[in-house]
C-alpha cells in the first residue's frame, strides 16, 4: 500500500537529531563535475589503494565523460580521451586480466548517436579497445563471467536490444545470440540465483508488446526463461535491477525498481525462496519515477540497506532520495538522512576515504532542475550506535579437482563479525604463476586484499566454483572473502594444480619429443635448438597429477625416472618464446 505524498514529506522531516543522534552523512567539500542524466562507478583504476571515479552525464546541455583520480580525497580529471555521453551506463572490469581496471561506457552524444565503447587501461592510460559493440542509450551494460572460463563477458539491455557478448580473448567478443527480447529503457544484471555456480541473467524493459522483467537460467551457456512462481516479476522499465542477499540466507534475492505500463513507479524486493519461487515485498514510500538505487551496508550491521533516487509523481515532479534501512527478514524502514533529492542520475556506495564506513555519491538533477554531483561521507554520527566494519577471515582448506574437462575448486566458509556465514561472498584468483591472476582476475590486490571495485565476489556465495575452457597447464588458485559491506579479507593460502583436458595429448604444437613413452627407467627428452652447442635455453618442469613438482632444470636431455612412482606425469618446456606441455607415463 502506498503512502500519500504528505506522508512521504513527513517521513523526510524526521531526523536523527530527534533521538539525540547526528545524521549519518555529511557533505564532502570536493570539486566534482556537476552532471545530470548521468551514471557513475567507483573503481581503483591506478592501483594505489583508494577508489577513483568514472562518471558520464550532461553539464547543462553538454554531455561529459570523465575519469577522476582520487588523491587522498582530492579528485583530479586525468583527461581520458572518452566520448562525451549522457543517458548511459558506466562500469569497471578487468576484462583482459592484466591487473588494471578497464572501463565500459555507453550512452548518447550531443547529436543523438548511441555508443558502447570499451577502454583498455594500461598503467592509468586509457585507449579505445576496438571491440565492436552495438550502441546503447537509456540502458545498462555490465560485466560477468557467464561461461566460467575466467574472463569477463558483457551483458547489455536497452536501445531495442538485449544481448550477451562472449569474451574470446585478444579483444574479440562474440554475440552468443541469447534468446532475450529486445527492450527499450532496458535494465539487466547478473546473479547466480540458484547457486549452481553459473551466472544467470535478468532482463527488464519495454519490448514494444508490453513491459517485462524476465529471469533466464544459465545451463552451461544455454539461457532459458525461468517460470517464476507464485507470480512473475512485475514488468518494469527505466529503473534499476540488482541481485543481493538481502535476508542473509545464502541465496540471491532481487531488488527491482522502475515504471509499469501505466507509468506508475514501484520499488520491489523479491525474496528468493529457492526452486524458482520468489516472494514479492513492496518497499514503502517508493512510488517514484525514473529511479535508480544501490545496495550497501551503511551501518555495518551485516544487513544490506537500499538507497533510492528518483522523481515523485506529483508536486511538480520533485526529486527525492530515500534511505531504506534493512531491519532483517525483508523489513525495510525509511530513515531520514537529510540527503538532498536527486533524479535522472545515479547513486553508488563506496568507502572513498578507507575509514571503514560506506560513503555515498549522487549524480543527477536536483529539485531545482540543476545538475548535481555530490559526495556524502558516512561519519556514522553517534559511534555508540554505529560500528566500523571489520574484514572477514580468509577461506580455509582450498582444494582443486578435475571432473572431465572442468576444474572444480572448493573451500570452507569463512567468518565475519558483522555478516553471517551464509551471506558472505567469495572472490577467486587464478593464474599460471604463483601470485598471478592472468586467467581469472579478482579485481583485488593479492597481497593486501584491497578490492578495486565495490561489489560482491566473482563466485557469489558459493563455496565451490567450476572453471571451464582453460588451456592445459599448471595453475595457482587463491580465494578471498567479501562481506555484506563489500569489505574484503585477505586471500587464502595458494594451491596449485596441473590441468590436462581429457583426450588431449598436447595443447600446442610441441617443441619437444619424448621417448620411450611409456618409459620405465630412462626418459629421453629432445628439444630442438637446445644443447651444449646451441644458444637457445629451455627450462624443463615435471609435475605429477596433483601438481607437485617432481623435477625442474634447464636443457635436460636424459632423465633417470627409475625410482619414480608409476603413473601419469606432465612435462612443461619453456624456451622463453614458447610454452609447451605434454604428458608421459612411467610404468
Protein backbone atom coordinates (compact mmCIF):
# COMPACT_ATOMS: atom_id res chain seq x y z
CA UNK A 1 0.00 0.00 0.00
CA UNK A 2 1.37 3.43 -0.93
CA UNK A 3 1.62 6.44 1.37
CA UNK A 4 0.24 9.82 0.32
CA UNK A 5 2.79 12.44 -0.72
CA UNK A 6 2.23 14.32 2.56
CA UNK A 7 3.19 11.15 4.41
CA UNK A 8 6.42 10.94 2.44
CA UNK A 9 7.35 14.52 3.34
CA UNK A 10 6.55 13.75 6.95
CA UNK A 11 8.98 10.88 6.91
CA UNK A 12 11.65 13.03 5.29
CA UNK A 13 11.34 15.65 8.02
CA UNK A 14 12.13 13.14 10.74
CA UNK A 15 15.82 13.49 11.62
CA UNK A 16 18.37 11.56 13.58
CA UNK A 17 18.57 14.53 15.93
CA UNK A 18 15.15 13.61 17.33
CA UNK A 19 16.79 10.61 19.00
CA UNK A 20 19.90 12.52 20.04
CA UNK A 21 22.00 11.31 17.10
CA UNK A 22 23.61 13.20 14.26
CA UNK A 23 22.68 12.41 10.66
CA UNK A 24 24.89 9.61 9.31
CA UNK A 25 26.13 11.54 6.26
CA UNK A 26 27.88 14.89 5.81
CA UNK A 27 28.63 16.71 2.57
CA UNK A 28 32.25 16.47 1.46
CA UNK A 29 33.66 19.71 0.06
CA UNK A 30 35.25 18.32 -3.08
CA UNK A 31 35.31 19.53 -6.67
CA UNK A 32 33.37 17.23 -8.99
CA UNK A 33 31.73 17.72 -12.42
CA UNK A 34 28.07 18.61 -11.95
CA UNK A 35 26.20 16.23 -14.24
CA UNK A 36 22.59 15.20 -14.87
CA UNK A 37 21.10 12.29 -16.82
CA UNK A 38 24.20 10.58 -15.55
CA UNK A 39 25.86 7.38 -14.41
CA UNK A 40 28.82 6.77 -12.13
CA UNK A 41 31.06 3.97 -10.84
CA UNK A 42 33.78 3.67 -8.20
CA UNK A 43 36.95 1.77 -9.12
CA UNK A 44 40.65 1.87 -8.23
CA UNK A 45 41.99 2.22 -11.78
CA UNK A 46 45.53 3.27 -10.72
CA UNK A 47 46.04 0.55 -8.07
CA UNK A 48 47.00 2.99 -5.33
CA UNK A 49 44.56 1.61 -2.75
CA UNK A 50 41.69 4.11 -2.97
CA UNK A 51 38.56 4.39 -5.09
CA UNK A 52 38.62 6.59 -8.19
CA UNK A 53 35.53 7.68 -10.13
CA UNK A 54 34.21 7.20 -13.66
CA UNK A 55 31.26 9.44 -14.48
CA UNK A 56 29.27 10.49 -17.54
CA UNK A 57 26.29 12.79 -17.99
CA UNK A 58 25.20 16.24 -19.10
CA UNK A 59 26.52 19.55 -17.80
CA UNK A 60 23.59 21.71 -18.85
CA UNK A 61 23.08 20.64 -22.48
CA UNK A 62 26.64 19.41 -22.96
CA UNK A 63 27.49 15.72 -22.42
CA UNK A 64 30.64 14.89 -20.48
CA UNK A 65 32.55 11.67 -19.69
CA UNK A 66 35.40 11.75 -17.22
CA UNK A 67 37.73 9.65 -15.09
CA UNK A 68 38.66 11.31 -11.82
CA UNK A 69 41.69 10.15 -9.84
CA UNK A 70 41.30 10.14 -6.06
CA UNK A 71 44.36 11.62 -4.36
CA UNK A 72 43.51 11.42 -0.65
CA UNK A 73 40.09 12.97 -1.17
CA UNK A 74 41.09 15.39 -3.95
CA UNK A 75 39.62 14.38 -7.32
CA UNK A 76 41.60 15.19 -10.44
CA UNK A 77 40.39 14.82 -14.03
CA UNK A 78 43.03 12.65 -15.76
CA UNK A 79 41.99 13.92 -19.20
CA UNK A 80 40.99 10.50 -20.52
CA UNK A 81 40.03 10.57 -24.19
CA UNK A 82 36.44 9.37 -23.74
CA UNK A 83 33.40 10.21 -25.87
CA UNK A 84 31.12 12.81 -24.26
CA UNK A 85 27.96 10.85 -23.38
CA UNK A 86 24.82 11.09 -21.26
CA UNK A 87 21.73 8.86 -20.75
CA UNK A 88 24.09 5.94 -20.41
CA UNK A 89 25.90 3.44 -18.24
CA UNK A 90 29.40 3.08 -16.80
CA UNK A 91 31.13 0.06 -15.26
CA UNK A 92 34.68 -1.01 -14.38
CA UNK A 93 36.03 -4.51 -15.07
CA UNK A 94 39.41 -6.15 -15.72
CA UNK A 95 38.30 -8.00 -18.87
CA UNK A 96 41.86 -8.75 -20.06
CA UNK A 97 43.12 -9.95 -16.62
CA UNK A 98 46.18 -7.69 -16.61
CA UNK A 99 45.56 -6.24 -13.15
CA UNK A 100 44.29 -2.83 -14.36
CA UNK A 101 40.61 -1.94 -14.34
CA UNK A 102 39.22 -1.32 -17.81
CA UNK A 103 36.08 0.72 -18.48
CA UNK A 104 32.91 0.05 -20.45
CA UNK A 105 30.99 3.19 -21.30
CA UNK A 106 27.64 3.55 -23.07
CA UNK A 107 25.32 6.44 -23.83
CA UNK A 108 24.22 9.11 -26.27
CA UNK A 109 26.27 12.04 -27.58
CA UNK A 110 25.05 15.58 -28.21
CA UNK A 111 23.88 14.66 -31.74
CA UNK A 112 21.76 11.72 -30.58
CA UNK A 113 24.21 9.00 -31.65
CA UNK A 114 24.47 5.92 -29.41
CA UNK A 115 27.78 4.37 -28.36
CA UNK A 116 29.13 1.43 -26.41
CA UNK A 117 32.91 1.50 -26.01
CA UNK A 118 35.47 -0.46 -24.02
CA UNK A 119 38.60 1.40 -22.93
CA UNK A 120 41.77 -0.51 -22.08
CA UNK A 121 43.71 0.67 -19.06
CA UNK A 122 47.49 0.43 -19.38
CA UNK A 123 49.08 1.83 -16.21
CA UNK A 124 46.46 4.56 -15.99
CA UNK A 125 46.37 5.45 -19.70
CA UNK A 126 43.05 4.66 -21.40
CA UNK A 127 42.82 3.75 -25.09
CA UNK A 128 39.84 2.54 -27.10
CA UNK A 129 39.96 -1.24 -27.40
CA UNK A 130 38.41 -1.51 -30.86
CA UNK A 131 35.85 -4.03 -29.59
CA UNK A 132 32.76 -3.79 -31.80
CA UNK A 133 29.55 -3.49 -29.74
CA UNK A 134 26.12 -2.08 -30.62
CA UNK A 135 25.43 1.45 -29.44
CA UNK A 136 23.42 1.79 -26.24
CA UNK A 137 21.44 4.59 -24.60
CA UNK A 138 18.89 4.52 -21.80
CA UNK A 139 20.08 1.03 -20.86
CA UNK A 140 22.73 -0.86 -18.95
CA UNK A 141 25.95 -2.73 -19.73
CA UNK A 142 27.59 -4.97 -17.14
CA UNK A 143 30.50 -7.42 -16.84
CA UNK A 144 30.21 -11.07 -15.75
CA UNK A 145 31.82 -14.46 -16.49
CA UNK A 146 28.80 -16.48 -17.62
CA UNK A 147 30.82 -19.33 -19.20
CA UNK A 148 33.22 -19.90 -16.26
CA UNK A 149 36.37 -19.59 -18.35
CA UNK A 150 37.83 -16.91 -16.09
CA UNK A 151 37.36 -13.81 -18.27
CA UNK A 152 34.61 -11.20 -18.22
CA UNK A 153 31.78 -11.28 -20.74
CA UNK A 154 29.26 -8.47 -21.40
CA UNK A 155 25.52 -8.34 -20.74
CA UNK A 156 23.61 -5.38 -22.17
CA UNK A 157 19.98 -4.29 -22.46
CA UNK A 158 18.32 -1.21 -23.95
CA UNK A 159 18.03 0.64 -27.26
CA UNK A 160 15.85 -2.16 -28.71
CA UNK A 161 18.24 -4.99 -27.88
CA UNK A 162 19.41 -7.31 -25.11
CA UNK A 163 22.48 -9.45 -25.68
CA UNK A 164 25.41 -11.34 -24.23
CA UNK A 165 28.82 -10.94 -25.82
CA UNK A 166 31.30 -13.73 -25.02
CA UNK A 167 34.90 -12.73 -24.36
CA UNK A 168 37.06 -14.87 -26.65
CA UNK A 169 40.32 -13.09 -25.83
CA UNK A 170 42.51 -10.82 -27.96
CA UNK A 171 39.80 -8.12 -27.96
CA UNK A 172 37.31 -10.45 -29.63
CA UNK A 173 33.73 -10.55 -28.32
CA UNK A 174 31.06 -12.75 -29.90
CA UNK A 175 27.27 -12.32 -29.73
CA UNK A 176 26.03 -15.69 -28.41
CA UNK A 177 22.50 -14.95 -29.71
CA UNK A 178 20.91 -15.40 -26.30
CA UNK A 179 17.09 -15.72 -26.53
CA UNK A 180 16.39 -12.37 -24.87
CA UNK A 181 13.70 -9.96 -26.06
CA UNK A 182 14.78 -6.57 -27.46
CA UNK A 183 13.93 -3.88 -24.92
CA UNK A 184 13.74 -0.10 -24.68
CA UNK A 185 14.67 1.64 -21.42
CA UNK A 186 16.22 -1.71 -20.57
CA UNK A 187 17.99 -2.86 -17.44
CA UNK A 188 19.89 -6.06 -16.76
CA UNK A 189 22.03 -7.76 -14.14
CA UNK A 190 23.94 -10.99 -13.48
CA UNK A 191 23.38 -13.29 -10.49
CA UNK A 192 23.68 -16.98 -9.63
CA UNK A 193 20.19 -17.13 -8.16
CA UNK A 194 20.06 -20.96 -7.90
CA UNK A 195 23.61 -21.47 -6.52
CA UNK A 196 24.69 -23.83 -9.29
CA UNK A 197 27.94 -21.99 -9.96
CA UNK A 198 26.75 -20.30 -13.16
CA UNK A 199 25.72 -16.67 -13.63
CA UNK A 200 22.08 -16.24 -14.62
CA UNK A 201 20.68 -13.09 -16.26
CA UNK A 202 17.76 -10.75 -15.57
CA UNK A 203 16.38 -8.61 -18.41
CA UNK A 204 13.69 -5.96 -17.96
CA UNK A 205 12.25 -3.20 -20.10
CA UNK A 206 9.71 -2.27 -22.75
CA UNK A 207 9.52 -4.88 -25.51
CA UNK A 208 7.05 -2.88 -27.59
CA UNK A 209 4.41 -5.50 -26.82
CA UNK A 210 4.47 -4.98 -23.07
CA UNK A 211 6.66 -4.30 -20.05
CA UNK A 212 8.55 -7.35 -18.78
CA UNK A 213 11.04 -8.39 -16.10
CA UNK A 214 12.40 -11.81 -17.07
CA UNK A 215 14.87 -14.17 -15.42
CA UNK A 216 16.96 -16.53 -17.56
CA UNK A 217 18.67 -19.61 -16.13
CA UNK A 218 22.19 -20.37 -17.38
CA UNK A 219 22.79 -24.05 -18.09
CA UNK A 220 26.33 -24.36 -19.46
CA UNK A 221 25.90 -21.25 -21.60
CA UNK A 222 22.34 -22.00 -22.74
CA UNK A 223 19.85 -19.47 -21.35
CA UNK A 224 16.24 -20.48 -20.68
CA UNK A 225 13.44 -18.30 -19.31
CA UNK A 226 12.51 -19.23 -15.73
CA UNK A 227 8.87 -19.72 -14.82
CA UNK A 228 8.76 -17.72 -11.59
CA UNK A 229 6.16 -18.78 -9.03
CA UNK A 230 3.79 -17.98 -7.45
CA UNK A 231 3.69 -14.99 -9.84
CA UNK A 232 6.04 -13.48 -12.45
CA UNK A 233 8.20 -10.50 -11.59
CA UNK A 234 6.36 -7.22 -12.16
CA UNK A 235 7.28 -5.79 -15.55
CA UNK A 236 9.21 -2.51 -15.08
CA UNK A 237 11.32 -0.22 -17.22
CA UNK A 238 13.50 2.86 -16.75
CA UNK A 239 14.71 1.94 -13.27
CA UNK A 240 17.35 -0.42 -11.93
CA UNK A 241 17.81 -4.11 -11.09
CA UNK A 242 20.31 -5.86 -8.84
CA UNK A 243 20.75 -9.22 -7.12
CA UNK A 244 21.83 -9.25 -3.46
CA UNK A 245 21.43 -11.48 -0.40
CA UNK A 246 19.11 -9.12 1.46
CA UNK A 247 17.96 -11.66 4.06
CA UNK A 248 21.41 -13.24 4.62
CA UNK A 249 20.30 -16.82 3.96
CA UNK A 250 22.90 -17.72 1.33
CA UNK A 251 20.92 -17.17 -1.87
CA UNK A 252 20.47 -14.07 -4.01
CA UNK A 253 17.31 -12.02 -3.71
CA UNK A 254 16.30 -9.40 -6.27
CA UNK A 255 15.76 -5.65 -5.93
CA UNK A 256 13.85 -4.06 -8.81
CA UNK A 257 12.70 -0.50 -9.46
CA UNK A 258 11.08 1.25 -12.39
CA UNK A 259 7.78 2.14 -14.02
CA UNK A 260 4.97 -0.10 -15.19
CA UNK A 261 2.83 0.18 -18.31
CA UNK A 262 0.75 2.92 -16.62
CA UNK A 263 3.91 4.94 -15.81
CA UNK A 264 3.43 4.27 -12.11
CA UNK A 265 6.67 3.93 -10.16
CA UNK A 266 7.50 0.91 -7.99
CA UNK A 267 10.33 -0.44 -5.89
CA UNK A 268 10.15 -4.15 -5.04
CA UNK A 269 12.37 -6.68 -3.37
CA UNK A 270 11.83 -10.34 -4.16
CA UNK A 271 12.85 -12.89 -1.55
CA UNK A 272 14.42 -15.96 -3.11
CA UNK A 273 12.61 -18.98 -1.65
CA UNK A 274 14.54 -21.35 -3.97
CA UNK A 275 13.16 -23.79 -6.54
CA UNK A 276 12.30 -20.78 -8.78
CA UNK A 277 9.98 -19.33 -6.12
CA UNK A 278 10.16 -15.64 -5.18
CA UNK A 279 8.01 -13.69 -2.71
CA UNK A 280 7.36 -10.02 -3.56
CA UNK A 281 7.67 -7.19 -1.00
CA UNK A 282 6.92 -3.59 -1.92
CA UNK A 283 9.31 -1.07 -0.35
CA UNK A 284 7.18 1.62 1.35
CA UNK A 285 7.23 5.27 0.26
CA UNK A 286 8.95 4.41 -3.02
CA UNK A 287 6.44 5.02 -5.81
CA UNK A 288 8.90 7.25 -7.68
CA UNK A 289 9.72 7.60 -11.38
CA UNK A 290 12.99 7.47 -13.36
CA UNK A 291 14.63 5.80 -10.41
CA UNK A 292 18.00 4.34 -9.62
CA UNK A 293 19.29 2.64 -6.48
CA UNK A 294 22.29 0.96 -4.95
CA UNK A 295 22.77 -1.67 -2.27
CA UNK A 296 25.23 -1.43 0.62
CA UNK A 297 25.60 -1.79 4.38
CA UNK A 298 25.92 1.80 5.62
CA UNK A 299 25.67 0.99 9.36
CA UNK A 300 27.90 -2.13 9.33
CA UNK A 301 25.30 -4.42 10.88
CA UNK A 302 25.71 -7.11 8.21
CA UNK A 303 22.33 -6.28 6.60
CA UNK A 304 22.39 -4.59 3.21
CA UNK A 305 20.48 -1.32 3.01
CA UNK A 306 18.96 0.43 -0.04
CA UNK A 307 19.44 3.97 -1.29
CA UNK A 308 16.91 5.10 -3.91
CA UNK A 309 16.74 8.27 -6.01
CA UNK A 310 14.12 9.47 -8.49
CA UNK A 311 11.21 11.79 -9.17
CA UNK A 312 7.96 11.89 -7.26
CA UNK A 313 4.82 11.51 -9.41
CA UNK A 314 3.18 14.68 -8.08
CA UNK A 315 4.10 18.12 -6.70
CA UNK A 316 5.75 19.13 -9.96
CA UNK A 317 7.97 16.06 -10.06
CA UNK A 318 10.10 16.89 -7.03
CA UNK A 319 13.37 14.98 -6.82
CA UNK A 320 13.68 12.64 -3.84
CA UNK A 321 16.31 10.48 -2.14
CA UNK A 322 15.20 7.66 0.15
CA UNK A 323 17.40 5.65 2.51
CA UNK A 324 15.81 2.30 3.38
CA UNK A 325 17.34 0.69 6.45
CA UNK A 326 17.29 -3.12 6.41
CA UNK A 327 15.94 -4.46 9.71
CA UNK A 328 16.15 -8.08 8.60
CA UNK A 329 13.56 -10.59 7.36
CA UNK A 330 12.81 -8.30 4.38
CA UNK A 331 11.66 -5.46 6.63
CA UNK A 332 12.83 -2.02 5.46
CA UNK A 333 12.19 1.28 7.23
CA UNK A 334 12.63 4.69 5.58
CA UNK A 335 15.24 6.61 7.57
CA UNK A 336 15.70 10.35 7.43
CA UNK A 337 19.21 11.05 6.22
CA UNK A 338 18.84 14.79 5.36
CA UNK A 339 20.19 13.92 1.92
CA UNK A 340 19.04 16.16 -0.97
CA UNK A 341 16.62 14.83 -3.56
CA UNK A 342 18.17 13.69 -6.85
CA UNK A 343 16.54 12.34 -10.02
CA UNK A 344 17.61 11.21 -13.51
CA UNK A 345 21.03 10.08 -12.42
CA UNK A 346 22.97 7.50 -10.47
CA UNK A 347 23.88 6.69 -6.89
CA UNK A 348 26.62 4.43 -5.58
CA UNK A 349 28.05 3.31 -2.23
CA UNK A 350 31.80 3.12 -1.63
CA UNK A 351 34.31 3.70 1.16
CA UNK A 352 36.06 6.57 -0.57
CA UNK A 353 38.34 7.53 2.35
CA UNK A 354 39.12 4.00 3.62
CA UNK A 355 37.83 4.64 7.12
CA UNK A 356 35.66 1.50 7.25
CA UNK A 357 32.42 3.43 6.70
CA UNK A 358 30.39 3.29 3.47
CA UNK A 359 30.05 6.70 1.79
CA UNK A 360 27.58 7.86 -0.90
CA UNK A 361 27.95 9.53 -4.26
CA UNK A 362 24.95 11.09 -6.06
CA UNK A 363 24.79 12.47 -9.57
CA UNK A 364 21.70 13.77 -11.37
CA UNK A 365 19.15 16.60 -11.31
CA UNK A 366 18.10 18.20 -8.02
CA UNK A 367 14.71 19.64 -7.03
CA UNK A 368 15.54 22.95 -8.73
CA UNK A 369 16.38 21.28 -12.07
CA UNK A 370 20.10 21.88 -11.54
CA UNK A 371 22.71 19.24 -12.39
CA UNK A 372 24.49 17.98 -9.29
CA UNK A 373 27.25 15.58 -8.29
CA UNK A 374 27.58 15.28 -4.52
CA UNK A 375 29.76 13.15 -2.27
CA UNK A 376 28.45 12.46 1.23
CA UNK A 377 30.85 10.94 3.74
CA UNK A 378 29.48 8.47 6.26
CA UNK A 379 30.53 9.90 9.61
CA UNK A 380 28.23 7.44 11.43
CA UNK A 381 27.33 10.17 13.90
CA UNK A 382 26.97 8.54 17.32
CA UNK A 383 29.69 5.87 17.35
CA UNK A 384 27.93 4.10 20.20
CA UNK A 385 25.23 3.19 17.66
CA UNK A 386 27.30 2.55 14.53
CA UNK A 387 30.48 0.50 14.31
CA UNK A 388 33.34 0.33 11.85
CA UNK A 389 33.08 -2.70 9.57
CA UNK A 390 35.74 -5.32 10.24
CA UNK A 391 37.20 -7.54 7.50
CA UNK A 392 36.23 -11.22 7.25
CA UNK A 393 38.65 -14.11 7.67
CA UNK A 394 40.19 -15.97 4.72
CA UNK A 395 38.51 -19.16 3.46
CA UNK A 396 40.15 -22.42 4.52
CA UNK A 397 41.06 -25.80 3.04
CA UNK A 398 41.24 -24.80 -0.61
CA UNK A 399 41.15 -27.92 -2.79
CA UNK A 400 41.16 -28.46 -6.55
CA UNK A 401 39.98 -31.46 -8.52
CA UNK A 402 39.33 -32.28 -12.16
CA UNK A 403 35.95 -33.58 -13.31
CA UNK A 404 36.03 -34.47 -17.00
CA UNK A 405 37.35 -31.28 -18.64
CA UNK A 406 36.36 -28.98 -15.76
CA UNK A 407 38.35 -27.84 -12.76
CA UNK A 408 36.32 -27.74 -9.54
CA UNK A 409 37.67 -25.50 -6.77
CA UNK A 410 36.23 -25.81 -3.26
CA UNK A 411 36.88 -24.16 0.09
CA UNK A 412 35.48 -23.95 3.62
CA UNK A 413 33.34 -20.96 4.61
CA UNK A 414 34.98 -18.00 6.32
CA UNK A 415 33.81 -15.97 9.34
CA UNK A 416 32.90 -12.31 9.84
CA UNK A 417 31.91 -10.26 12.87
CA UNK A 418 29.03 -8.48 11.11
CA UNK A 419 27.90 -10.67 8.19
CA UNK A 420 26.57 -14.20 8.85
CA UNK A 421 28.47 -17.07 7.28
CA UNK A 422 25.72 -17.83 4.75
CA UNK A 423 25.71 -14.27 3.40
CA UNK A 424 29.45 -13.97 2.72
CA UNK A 425 30.58 -13.98 -0.91
CA UNK A 426 33.93 -15.08 -2.31
CA UNK A 427 36.42 -13.80 -4.83
CA UNK A 428 38.58 -16.23 -6.83
CA UNK A 429 42.04 -15.58 -8.30
CA UNK A 430 43.61 -17.93 -10.89
CA UNK A 431 46.97 -17.60 -12.64
CA UNK A 432 49.70 -19.59 -14.36
CA UNK A 433 52.38 -18.36 -11.94
CA UNK A 434 52.41 -18.02 -8.17
CA UNK A 435 50.64 -14.82 -7.10
CA UNK A 436 49.37 -14.12 -10.63
CA UNK A 437 45.80 -13.79 -11.94
CA UNK A 438 46.22 -13.85 -15.71
CA UNK A 439 43.46 -16.49 -16.01
CA UNK A 440 40.81 -15.11 -13.62
CA UNK A 441 41.26 -11.60 -12.23
CA UNK A 442 39.86 -10.93 -8.74
CA UNK A 443 39.96 -7.14 -9.22
CA UNK A 444 41.77 -7.02 -5.88
CA UNK A 445 45.35 -6.68 -4.65
CA UNK A 446 46.75 -10.19 -3.99
CA UNK A 447 48.85 -9.03 -1.05
CA UNK A 448 46.58 -6.63 0.85
CA UNK A 449 43.23 -7.93 -0.44
CA UNK A 450 42.10 -4.35 -1.27
CA UNK A 451 39.20 -4.56 -3.72
CA UNK A 452 39.34 -2.37 -6.82
CA UNK A 453 35.55 -2.42 -7.24
CA UNK A 454 32.56 -2.18 -4.89
CA UNK A 455 30.55 -5.37 -5.32
CA UNK A 456 30.26 -8.97 -4.15
CA UNK A 457 32.88 -11.55 -5.06
CA UNK A 458 33.11 -13.13 -8.50
CA UNK A 459 31.85 -16.54 -7.28
CA UNK A 460 28.96 -15.02 -5.25
CA UNK A 461 28.06 -17.03 -2.12
CA UNK A 462 29.13 -20.41 -3.45
CA UNK A 463 31.94 -22.29 -1.67
CA UNK A 464 32.85 -24.13 -4.85
CA UNK A 465 33.37 -22.93 -8.40
CA UNK A 466 33.75 -24.68 -11.73
CA UNK A 467 36.30 -23.42 -14.26
CA UNK A 468 35.96 -24.49 -17.89
CA UNK A 469 37.63 -23.93 -21.22
CA UNK A 470 41.13 -23.05 -19.98
CA UNK A 471 44.32 -24.27 -21.72
CA UNK A 472 46.34 -27.20 -20.45
CA UNK A 473 48.93 -26.21 -17.88
CA UNK A 474 49.77 -25.68 -14.23
CA UNK A 475 47.56 -23.21 -12.34
CA UNK A 476 47.62 -21.45 -8.98
CA UNK A 477 44.42 -20.64 -7.06
CA UNK A 478 43.54 -18.40 -4.11
CA UNK A 479 40.24 -17.10 -2.66
CA UNK A 480 39.25 -14.12 -0.51
CA UNK A 481 36.04 -13.38 1.40
CA UNK A 482 33.80 -10.33 0.80
CA UNK A 483 31.28 -9.30 3.46
CA UNK A 484 27.90 -7.59 3.01
CA UNK A 485 29.53 -4.17 3.24
CA UNK A 486 31.78 -5.21 0.30
CA UNK A 487 34.78 -5.19 2.64
CA UNK A 488 37.36 -7.81 1.59
CA UNK A 489 39.56 -10.02 3.70
CA UNK A 490 43.00 -11.41 2.88
CA UNK A 491 43.45 -14.08 0.24
CA UNK A 492 43.76 -17.70 1.33
CA UNK A 493 46.93 -19.74 1.07
CA UNK A 494 47.65 -20.62 -2.54
CA UNK A 495 47.01 -24.06 -4.05
CA UNK A 496 48.39 -25.41 -7.34
CA UNK A 497 47.08 -27.97 -9.79
CA UNK A 498 48.13 -29.44 -13.15
CA UNK A 499 45.26 -29.42 -15.63
CA UNK A 500 45.18 -31.53 -18.79
CA UNK A 501 41.98 -31.84 -20.88
CA UNK A 502 40.71 -35.39 -21.16
CA UNK A 503 41.59 -36.91 -24.53
CA UNK A 504 44.00 -34.11 -25.39
CA UNK A 505 47.63 -35.10 -25.58
CA UNK A 506 49.01 -31.59 -26.01
CA UNK A 507 47.83 -28.01 -26.08
CA UNK A 508 50.18 -26.53 -28.65
CA UNK A 509 52.45 -27.71 -31.41
CA UNK A 510 55.11 -29.49 -29.31
CA UNK A 511 58.63 -28.12 -29.00
CA UNK A 512 59.90 -31.50 -27.73
CA UNK A 513 59.75 -35.22 -28.32
CA UNK A 514 59.74 -37.89 -25.59
CA UNK A 515 60.95 -41.47 -25.88
CA UNK A 516 60.12 -44.02 -24.87
CA UNK A 517 56.58 -43.18 -23.75
CA UNK A 518 55.60 -45.07 -21.62
CA UNK A 519 59.04 -45.25 -20.04
CA UNK A 520 60.48 -47.44 -17.28
CA UNK A 521 63.98 -46.31 -16.26
CA UNK A 522 65.13 -43.58 -18.66
CA UNK A 523 63.16 -40.78 -20.37
CA UNK A 524 64.84 -39.16 -23.36
CA UNK A 525 63.84 -35.54 -23.97
CA UNK A 526 64.68 -33.90 -27.27
CA UNK A 527 64.16 -30.15 -27.52
CA UNK A 528 65.16 -28.81 -30.94
CA UNK A 529 67.59 -25.90 -30.87
CA UNK A 530 68.92 -26.56 -27.37
CA UNK A 531 72.01 -28.29 -26.08
CA UNK A 532 75.62 -27.58 -25.23
CA UNK A 533 76.39 -26.26 -28.74
CA UNK A 534 73.22 -24.16 -29.01
CA UNK A 535 72.49 -20.70 -27.64
CA UNK A 536 68.80 -21.38 -27.01
CA UNK A 537 67.95 -22.44 -23.46
CA UNK A 538 64.89 -24.26 -22.16
CA UNK A 539 63.53 -24.83 -18.65
CA UNK A 540 62.03 -28.27 -18.07
CA UNK A 541 59.48 -28.76 -15.26
CA UNK A 542 57.76 -32.09 -14.49
CA UNK A 543 54.60 -32.35 -12.33
CA UNK A 544 52.64 -35.28 -11.01
CA UNK A 545 48.84 -35.38 -11.32
CA UNK A 546 48.25 -33.38 -8.12
CA UNK A 547 50.57 -30.59 -9.24
CA UNK A 548 53.66 -31.41 -7.14
CA UNK A 549 56.90 -30.58 -8.93
CA UNK A 550 58.93 -33.80 -9.39
CA UNK A 551 61.79 -32.31 -11.35
CA UNK A 552 62.96 -28.92 -12.60
CA UNK A 553 66.10 -27.98 -14.54
CA UNK A 554 67.50 -26.41 -17.74
CA UNK A 555 68.34 -28.18 -21.01
CA UNK A 556 67.61 -31.74 -19.92
CA UNK A 557 68.26 -34.48 -22.49
CA UNK A 558 68.12 -37.67 -20.42
CA UNK A 559 66.32 -38.21 -17.13
CA UNK A 560 66.53 -41.19 -14.76
CA UNK A 561 62.99 -41.97 -13.60
CA UNK A 562 63.65 -45.50 -12.31
CA UNK A 563 62.81 -44.54 -8.70
CA UNK A 564 59.64 -42.62 -9.57
CA UNK A 565 56.18 -43.89 -8.66
CA UNK A 566 54.40 -45.39 -11.69
CA UNK A 567 51.70 -43.15 -13.13
CA UNK A 568 50.98 -40.14 -15.35
CA UNK A 569 53.31 -37.10 -15.36
CA UNK A 570 53.23 -33.75 -17.16
CA UNK A 571 56.35 -32.20 -18.65
CA UNK A 572 56.41 -28.49 -19.42
CA UNK A 573 59.12 -26.84 -21.52
CA UNK A 574 59.62 -23.06 -21.60
CA UNK A 575 62.20 -21.88 -24.12
CA UNK A 576 61.49 -18.21 -23.49
CA UNK A 577 59.29 -17.83 -26.55
CA UNK A 578 57.01 -20.88 -26.45
CA UNK A 579 55.42 -22.84 -23.63
CA UNK A 580 54.54 -26.46 -24.40
CA UNK A 581 53.10 -29.20 -22.20
CA UNK A 582 52.96 -32.96 -22.85
CA UNK A 583 52.20 -35.95 -20.72
CA UNK A 584 54.05 -39.21 -20.35
CA UNK A 585 53.55 -42.45 -18.47
CA UNK A 586 56.02 -44.04 -16.06
CA UNK A 587 55.29 -47.78 -15.94
